Amino acid sequence: MSINTIPREELLLKGNASCPGCGATLILRYMLKALGPKTMLVIPACCTSVIAGPYPWTAFKVPTLHIAFAASAAAGSGMGEALEKMGMNDVNVVVWAGDGGTVDIGIQALSGAAERGHNMIYVCYDNEAYMNTGIQRSGSTPYGAWTTTTPKGNRSLKKDVPSIVMSHRVPYVATVNPAFINDLMSKFKKASRIRGFKYIHALSPCPPGWRYDSSLTIKVAREAVLTGMWILYEWENGVFRLTGPSKTLLDRRRRRPVEEYLKLQGRFRHLTREEVKRIQEQVDESWRRIEEMLESQESEDKR
């Protein structure tokens, strides 16, 4: 995909209520360009509830259902079933939820929808905390990150929800990043062509929550990938593959030090050298697991 093939039609309108440099808005804009106007959104309580604008106005040019925090995947399941009964099989049902509404509050409905195999795309835009309500820690907050409820740095490890969804044996799971639009749009297009439950986990940099200048969103997002902190991949019908720049980063020497990502954000400013070292070790361990997975997959293919 090139810049010339990206649709010009805007389904996310100007003048919306997002913060300057909002990663979620960038992802949503290009997701809608990839999926087109035959898309219906289900949005639980989150930043995007505000971005949409106050009723009766809206910044979205697609039908949107705002739903309770815990119920987005359940609502999307029902919407998809209703559309099938009506013979409308060319409509993309998209649950668009933050990490609070996915990793924590909404995980039971997410698991149920994945288990049942409803035909929908579930997107978690992951800004790694409860940004809309005051930057509180979520189950997706990375180790060491400052939030208002972890002022000395989060002590827990980030919950790996894509792997949890993979364990349901759904047909498609992928990660995306707003700094790599071609990779992002290609994955959404692919997901729209696959029948069944699809899950896409998007890194969503947040200037006020991550404490960086709003002009740096794309730089922050890009460094997340180039340092190996955020890995671009897809898992399609049981086959795992790296995508985008991540394809070249299995060799640790090609990855930039995690410090290059951390130093851009005020939420990591308090970290000691020892804590930075621990984060680097966590990243290296994640890549070792991926290398083992790919080697095991290659061995299976040769049998």
Protein backbone atom coordinates (compact mmCIF):
# COMPACT_ATOMS: atom_id res chain seq x y z
CA MET A 1 0.00 0.00 0.00
CA SER A 2 1.29 3.49 -0.88
CA ILE A 3 0.20 6.99 0.09
CA ASN A 4 -1.62 7.22 -3.25
CA THR A 5 -3.87 4.24 -2.45
CA ILE A 6 -5.06 5.44 0.96
CA PRO A 7 -8.71 6.52 0.63
CA ARG A 8 -9.24 10.27 0.81
CA GLU A 9 -12.65 10.05 2.45
CA GLU A 10 -12.51 11.00 6.12
CA LEU A 11 -14.80 9.01 8.42
CA LEU A 12 -13.34 10.67 11.52
CA LEU A 13 -14.21 14.34 11.24
CA LYS A 14 -12.15 17.43 11.97
CA GLY A 15 -12.78 19.35 15.15
CA ASN A 16 -13.15 16.25 17.30
CA ALA A 17 -12.36 16.45 21.01
CA SER A 18 -9.12 14.44 21.03
CA CYS A 19 -5.95 15.78 22.62
CA PRO A 20 -3.25 17.11 20.26
CA GLY A 21 -1.02 14.23 19.18
CA CYS A 22 -3.51 11.56 20.33
CA GLY A 23 -2.33 8.14 19.16
CA ALA A 24 -5.81 6.65 19.43
CA THR A 25 -7.24 9.20 17.00
CA LEU A 26 -4.52 8.44 14.44
CA ILE A 27 -5.20 4.72 14.67
CA LEU A 28 -8.97 5.20 14.48
CA ARG A 29 -8.67 7.50 11.47
CA TYR A 30 -6.64 5.03 9.43
CA MET A 31 -8.59 2.01 10.62
CA LEU A 32 -11.77 3.61 9.26
CA LYS A 33 -10.02 4.41 5.98
CA ALA A 34 -9.01 0.74 5.71
CA LEU A 35 -12.45 -0.65 6.58
CA GLY A 36 -14.58 1.93 4.80
CA PRO A 37 -18.04 3.38 5.49
CA LYS A 38 -19.73 -0.02 5.92
CA THR A 39 -18.48 -0.15 9.49
CA MET A 40 -20.29 -0.02 12.81
CA LEU A 41 -18.47 0.92 16.00
CA VAL A 42 -19.14 -0.30 19.53
CA ILE A 43 -17.38 1.89 22.09
CA PRO A 44 -17.36 1.38 25.87
CA ALA A 45 -16.51 4.14 28.33
CA CYS A 46 -13.06 5.43 27.32
CA CYS A 47 -11.27 8.43 25.82
CA THR A 48 -13.07 7.83 22.51
CA SER A 49 -16.42 8.39 24.21
CA VAL A 50 -15.21 11.98 24.65
CA ILE A 51 -13.52 12.21 21.23
CA ALA A 52 -16.85 11.36 19.60
CA GLY A 53 -18.36 14.60 20.93
CA PRO A 54 -21.47 15.40 22.98
CA TYR A 55 -24.88 14.11 21.85
CA PRO A 56 -26.56 14.88 19.46
CA TRP A 57 -23.36 15.73 17.59
CA THR A 58 -20.65 13.25 16.67
CA ALA A 59 -17.21 13.24 15.02
CA PHE A 60 -17.83 9.83 13.42
CA LYS A 61 -19.38 9.25 9.99
CA VAL A 62 -20.24 5.63 10.80
CA PRO A 63 -22.99 4.25 13.09
CA THR A 64 -21.74 4.10 16.68
CA LEU A 65 -23.09 2.41 19.78
CA HIS A 66 -21.80 3.72 23.11
CA ILE A 67 -22.08 0.99 25.70
CA ALA A 68 -21.24 0.26 29.35
CA PHE A 69 -17.59 -0.32 30.27
CA ALA A 70 -17.82 -4.11 30.67
CA ALA A 71 -20.23 -4.91 27.84
CA SER A 72 -18.62 -3.85 24.54
CA ALA A 73 -17.74 -7.34 23.26
CA ALA A 74 -21.17 -8.64 24.28
CA ALA A 75 -22.85 -5.77 22.43
CA GLY A 76 -20.67 -6.38 19.37
CA SER A 77 -21.58 -10.07 19.46
CA GLY A 78 -25.28 -9.25 19.37
CA MET A 79 -24.83 -6.65 16.66
CA GLY A 80 -22.97 -9.11 14.45
CA GLU A 81 -25.61 -11.80 14.92
CA ALA A 82 -28.40 -9.33 14.10
CA LEU A 83 -26.68 -8.20 10.90
CA GLU A 84 -26.31 -11.81 9.79
CA LYS A 85 -30.02 -12.44 10.36
CA MET A 86 -30.74 -9.41 8.18
CA GLY A 87 -28.44 -10.72 5.44
CA MET A 88 -26.02 -7.79 5.83
CA ASN A 89 -22.78 -9.75 5.63
CA ASP A 90 -20.65 -6.92 4.22
CA VAL A 91 -20.68 -4.73 7.35
CA ASN A 92 -17.65 -4.60 9.66
CA VAL A 93 -18.63 -4.75 13.32
CA VAL A 94 -15.77 -3.19 15.27
CA VAL A 95 -15.45 -3.04 19.03
CA TRP A 96 -13.11 -0.14 19.76
CA ALA A 97 -12.01 -0.21 23.40
CA GLY A 98 -9.17 1.09 25.53
CA ASP A 99 -6.90 -1.05 27.66
CA GLY A 100 -9.00 -0.47 30.78
CA GLY A 101 -12.10 -1.72 29.00
CA THR A 102 -10.20 -4.65 27.47
CA VAL A 103 -7.39 -5.82 29.71
CA ASP A 104 -9.31 -5.30 32.96
CA ILE A 105 -13.02 -4.48 32.98
CA GLY A 106 -14.05 -5.98 29.64
CA ILE A 107 -11.92 -9.11 29.50
CA GLN A 108 -14.77 -11.47 30.46
CA ALA A 109 -16.96 -10.31 27.54
CA LEU A 110 -13.93 -10.34 25.23
CA SER A 111 -13.14 -13.94 26.19
CA GLY A 112 -16.75 -15.00 25.72
CA ALA A 113 -17.03 -13.42 22.27
CA ALA A 114 -13.72 -14.99 21.20
CA GLU A 115 -14.78 -18.40 22.51
CA ARG A 116 -18.08 -18.24 20.61
CA GLY A 117 -16.36 -17.05 17.44
CA HIS A 118 -18.60 -14.10 16.59
CA ASN A 119 -17.83 -12.35 13.32
CA MET A 120 -16.34 -9.08 14.53
CA ILE A 121 -13.09 -7.15 14.88
CA TYR A 122 -12.12 -6.30 18.43
CA VAL A 123 -9.57 -3.48 18.73
CA CYS A 124 -7.78 -2.57 21.92
CA TYR A 125 -6.14 0.84 21.60
CA ASP A 126 -3.59 0.54 24.36
CA ASN A 127 -2.47 3.79 26.00
CA GLU A 128 -1.32 1.74 28.98
CA ALA A 129 -3.42 3.37 31.73
CA TYR A 130 -6.89 4.74 32.49
CA MET A 131 -6.20 8.03 30.73
CA ASN A 132 -9.75 9.37 30.57
CA THR A 133 -10.25 9.26 34.34
CA GLY A 134 -6.93 10.53 35.65
CA ILE A 135 -4.03 8.34 34.42
CA GLN A 136 -4.54 5.43 36.83
CA ARG A 137 -2.66 2.17 36.41
CA SER A 138 -4.28 -0.59 34.32
CA GLY A 139 -3.33 -4.21 33.76
CA SER A 140 -1.62 -2.98 30.60
CA THR A 141 0.67 -0.46 32.33
CA PRO A 142 4.30 -1.47 31.71
CA TYR A 143 6.81 -2.16 34.46
CA GLY A 144 8.32 1.00 35.91
CA ALA A 145 5.80 3.46 34.45
CA TRP A 146 4.55 6.36 36.53
CA THR A 147 0.78 6.72 36.92
CA THR A 148 -1.23 8.62 39.52
CA THR A 149 -1.80 5.34 41.37
CA THR A 150 1.81 4.15 40.95
CA PRO A 151 3.74 7.39 41.67
CA LYS A 152 6.99 5.49 42.29
CA GLY A 153 6.59 3.33 39.20
CA ASN A 154 4.43 0.31 38.42
CA ARG A 155 5.79 -2.92 39.90
CA SER A 156 3.72 -5.33 37.82
CA LEU A 157 4.38 -6.66 34.33
CA LYS A 158 2.13 -5.74 31.42
CA LYS A 159 -0.61 -8.29 30.75
CA ASP A 160 -0.16 -10.02 27.38
CA VAL A 161 -3.74 -9.94 26.08
CA PRO A 162 -2.93 -10.89 22.45
CA SER A 163 -1.53 -14.20 23.73
CA ILE A 164 -4.63 -14.70 25.88
CA VAL A 165 -6.81 -14.21 22.81
CA MET A 166 -4.61 -16.57 20.76
CA SER A 167 -5.31 -19.28 23.34
CA HIS A 168 -8.97 -19.12 22.21
CA ARG A 169 -7.81 -20.31 18.76
CA VAL A 170 -9.46 -17.43 16.93
CA PRO A 171 -8.54 -17.04 13.23
CA TYR A 172 -6.63 -13.75 13.47
CA VAL A 173 -4.67 -11.76 16.07
CA ALA A 174 -2.35 -8.86 15.24
CA THR A 175 -0.51 -5.89 16.72
CA VAL A 176 -0.29 -2.46 15.08
CA ASN A 177 1.40 0.89 15.68
CA PRO A 178 0.46 4.37 14.34
CA ALA A 179 4.02 5.03 13.15
CA PHE A 180 3.66 2.24 10.55
CA ILE A 181 0.44 3.04 8.68
CA ASN A 182 0.94 0.61 5.78
CA ASP A 183 1.31 -2.29 8.21
CA LEU A 184 -1.69 -1.05 10.20
CA MET A 185 -4.04 -0.63 7.24
CA SER A 186 -3.01 -3.94 5.66
CA LYS A 187 -3.86 -5.80 8.86
CA PHE A 188 -7.27 -4.18 9.19
CA LYS A 189 -8.05 -4.96 5.56
CA LYS A 190 -6.99 -8.57 6.10
CA ALA A 191 -9.11 -8.82 9.26
CA SER A 192 -12.16 -7.57 7.36
CA ARG A 193 -11.80 -10.42 4.86
CA ILE A 194 -11.53 -13.14 7.50
CA ARG A 195 -14.71 -14.61 8.94
CA GLY A 196 -14.94 -15.08 12.70
CA PHE A 197 -13.47 -13.29 15.70
CA LYS A 198 -10.46 -11.07 15.00
CA TYR A 199 -8.40 -9.20 17.59
CA ILE A 200 -6.04 -6.29 16.93
CA HIS A 201 -3.95 -4.72 19.71
CA ALA A 202 -2.74 -1.20 18.93
CA LEU A 203 -0.08 0.81 20.75
CA SER A 204 -1.66 4.21 21.40
CA PRO A 205 0.82 6.84 22.62
CA CYS A 206 -0.78 9.43 24.91
CA PRO A 207 0.99 12.81 25.30
CA PRO A 208 -0.58 13.88 28.64
CA GLY A 209 -0.48 10.39 30.18
CA TRP A 210 2.99 9.47 28.93
CA ARG A 211 4.30 13.00 29.58
CA TYR A 212 5.83 13.98 26.26
CA ASP A 213 5.26 16.88 23.86
CA SER A 214 2.37 16.24 21.46
CA SER A 215 4.64 16.75 18.43
CA LEU A 216 6.56 13.58 19.34
CA THR A 217 3.78 10.97 19.02
CA ILE A 218 5.09 9.33 15.85
CA LYS A 219 8.70 9.40 17.12
CA VAL A 220 7.65 7.75 20.39
CA ALA A 221 5.60 5.13 18.54
CA ARG A 222 8.45 4.40 16.12
CA GLU A 223 11.01 4.02 18.92
CA ALA A 224 8.70 1.53 20.65
CA VAL A 225 9.10 -0.77 17.64
CA LEU A 226 12.77 -0.09 16.85
CA THR A 227 13.81 -0.80 20.46
CA GLY A 228 11.73 -3.98 20.49
CA MET A 229 9.42 -2.72 23.24
CA TRP A 230 6.44 -3.13 20.88
CA ILE A 231 6.58 -6.08 18.50
CA LEU A 232 4.65 -6.02 15.23
CA TYR A 233 3.24 -9.42 14.34
CA GLU A 234 0.20 -11.34 13.18
CA TRP A 235 -1.11 -14.77 14.13
CA GLU A 236 -3.28 -16.14 11.33
CA ASN A 237 -4.96 -19.54 11.67
CA GLY A 238 -2.23 -20.70 14.04
CA VAL A 239 0.69 -19.36 12.00
CA PHE A 240 2.81 -16.67 13.67
CA ARG A 241 4.84 -14.16 11.68
CA LEU A 242 6.66 -10.91 12.38
CA THR A 243 5.70 -7.91 10.25
CA GLY A 244 7.03 -4.47 9.35
CA PRO A 245 10.37 -3.46 10.90
CA SER A 246 10.02 -6.19 13.54
CA LYS A 247 10.92 -8.76 10.85
CA THR A 248 14.55 -7.60 11.06
CA LEU A 249 14.83 -7.33 14.85
CA LEU A 250 15.23 -10.96 15.93
CA ASP A 251 18.95 -10.19 15.95
CA ARG A 252 19.41 -8.22 19.17
CA ARG A 253 22.20 -6.17 17.57
CA ARG A 254 19.63 -4.61 15.25
CA ARG A 255 17.45 -3.42 18.13
CA ARG A 256 18.03 -0.01 19.64
CA PRO A 257 18.53 0.15 23.44
CA VAL A 258 15.22 0.48 25.31
CA GLU A 259 16.58 3.68 26.85
CA GLU A 260 16.00 5.41 23.49
CA TYR A 261 12.26 4.83 23.97
CA LEU A 262 12.09 5.41 27.71
CA LYS A 263 13.95 8.74 27.74
CA LEU A 264 11.34 10.37 25.49
CA GLN A 265 8.64 10.01 28.17
CA GLY A 266 8.27 11.70 31.53
CA ARG A 267 6.49 8.66 32.95
CA PHE A 268 9.84 6.83 32.98
CA ARG A 269 11.97 9.76 34.14
CA HIS A 270 12.36 8.40 37.69
CA LEU A 271 13.85 5.05 36.63
CA THR A 272 17.22 4.00 37.98
CA ARG A 273 19.89 2.42 35.79
CA GLU A 274 19.07 -0.91 37.40
CA GLU A 275 15.38 -0.57 36.48
CA VAL A 276 16.23 0.36 32.89
CA LYS A 277 18.46 -2.71 32.76
CA ARG A 278 15.59 -4.86 34.03
CA ILE A 279 13.27 -3.51 31.32
CA GLN A 280 15.93 -4.31 28.71
CA GLU A 281 16.12 -7.84 30.06
CA GLN A 282 12.33 -8.19 29.88
CA VAL A 283 12.37 -7.08 26.24
CA ASP A 284 15.20 -9.47 25.37
CA GLU A 285 13.31 -12.31 27.05
CA SER A 286 10.19 -11.55 24.99
CA TRP A 287 12.25 -11.79 21.83
CA ARG A 288 13.80 -15.07 22.96
CA ARG A 289 10.33 -16.52 23.38
CA ILE A 290 9.37 -15.37 19.90
CA GLU A 291 12.54 -16.90 18.44
CA GLU A 292 11.69 -20.20 20.12
CA MET A 293 8.13 -20.03 18.80
CA LEU A 294 9.32 -19.43 15.24
CA GLU A 295 11.87 -22.26 15.47
CA SER A 296 9.20 -24.64 16.78
CA GLN A 297 6.83 -23.56 14.01
CA GLU A 298 9.53 -24.14 11.38
CA SER A 299 10.22 -27.62 12.79
CA GLU A 300 6.51 -28.47 12.60
CA ASP A 301 6.35 -27.29 8.98
CA LYS A 302 9.23 -29.61 8.03
CA ARG A 303 7.54 -32.70 9.44
